[in-house]
Each structure stands twice: as C-alpha cells, then as structure tokens.
Amino acid sequence: MAGRWGENAGRALALFAAISVFGALNGWILVTGELTSAMAKDGLFPSFLARRSRRGPPVNALVVSSGLLTGVVLLNYSETLIGLFNFVALLSTTSILFMYLAVSLAALKLNWQGAVSRPAAHGVVGALATAYSLWTIYGAGLKPLVWGLVLLAAGPPVYLMMQRAGVNRRAP
C-alpha cells in the first residue's frame, strides 16, 4: 500500500480499523450486559443481574459478563493477540452454531413428522442448515469445540439452580 498510496494511507486505514474494533467491542459488551439482564428479568439468571443503576445500565450484568469474558481471556493468555482474537471469534461462532444446529435438527424433525406446509422446501433447508452447522463446527477446530461444549454444559446447571430456588417469575 505504501508504494501507490503512501504511508499515510496505511496509517489512516489502521486508525479506521482500530476505531471499528473498539466500536464493535463496545457494542458487544453492551449487548452482553443487556442480554444477561433480560435473562435475569425472565428468571433464568439470579435477580441481582437484572438490577439497573440510577442511570439505567445493568451494571451488575455488565460486571459479571465482562468478568467471565476476562476469565476466558486470562485462561488463554499464552496466545498471541491475533491468536486470542481468532480463538474468541471461533468460540463465539461455535457457541452460536450449536443453537443453529439444534434449530436445524428441530426443523428436520418437524418436517419428518409432517408438521410443515411445504415439506420438500423445509427438508432441503433443514438438511442444508444441518450440514452447514456440522461442517462449520468441525472447521472451527478442537479447542473452540471443547470450550463451546463447556459453555453449553454450564447452562443447564444454572437453569436448574434457578428452578430449584423457585425463581420462575419475572424480576421487578
């Protein structure tokens, strides 16, 4: 890039990339806090995570979710910065793909049971979505797969704890 546009163009591109990364990071942190707070409000997480500060943000949810993410980063501190970024990106993608896989398998089951209006189209879409999910999970590699399964396995105990505690109502 330096030959045709000059070094300043490279610096400008790096600046815009940094601004984009920090903006995306800020957005993800806020979304994670809101999601955690909403789940607590629905009784799926402890109610203290639903509380908001006087100014409105769910501070407890932000602190807990950011703390958990920091823990994941610290457990992988031996990675290079690029390696850590790749790991977090693959982990988040793999975690979502487990849900995507479950939904595509449910679509295939509904199709098999005859509960859909256009079985041929639903069958093709369900099969393609299942194949895509499995292929992408496989392509992510072993480390994100194992971490994704660990995160997935952490959900049911929290849910069962909340149910045993009798928290099945919405928090204020």
Foldseek 3Di string as FASTA:
>chain_A
DCVPPRPVVVVVVVVVVVVVVVVVVVVVLQVQLVVQLVCLQQLLAPVLSVDADPVGGSVNSSVVVVVVVVVVCVVVVVDDPVRSVLLVVLLVVLLVLVVQLVVLVVLCVCLVVVNDDDSVVSNVVSVVSNVVSVVSNVVSDDPSNVVSVVVVVVRVVSRVVSVVVVRRHGHD
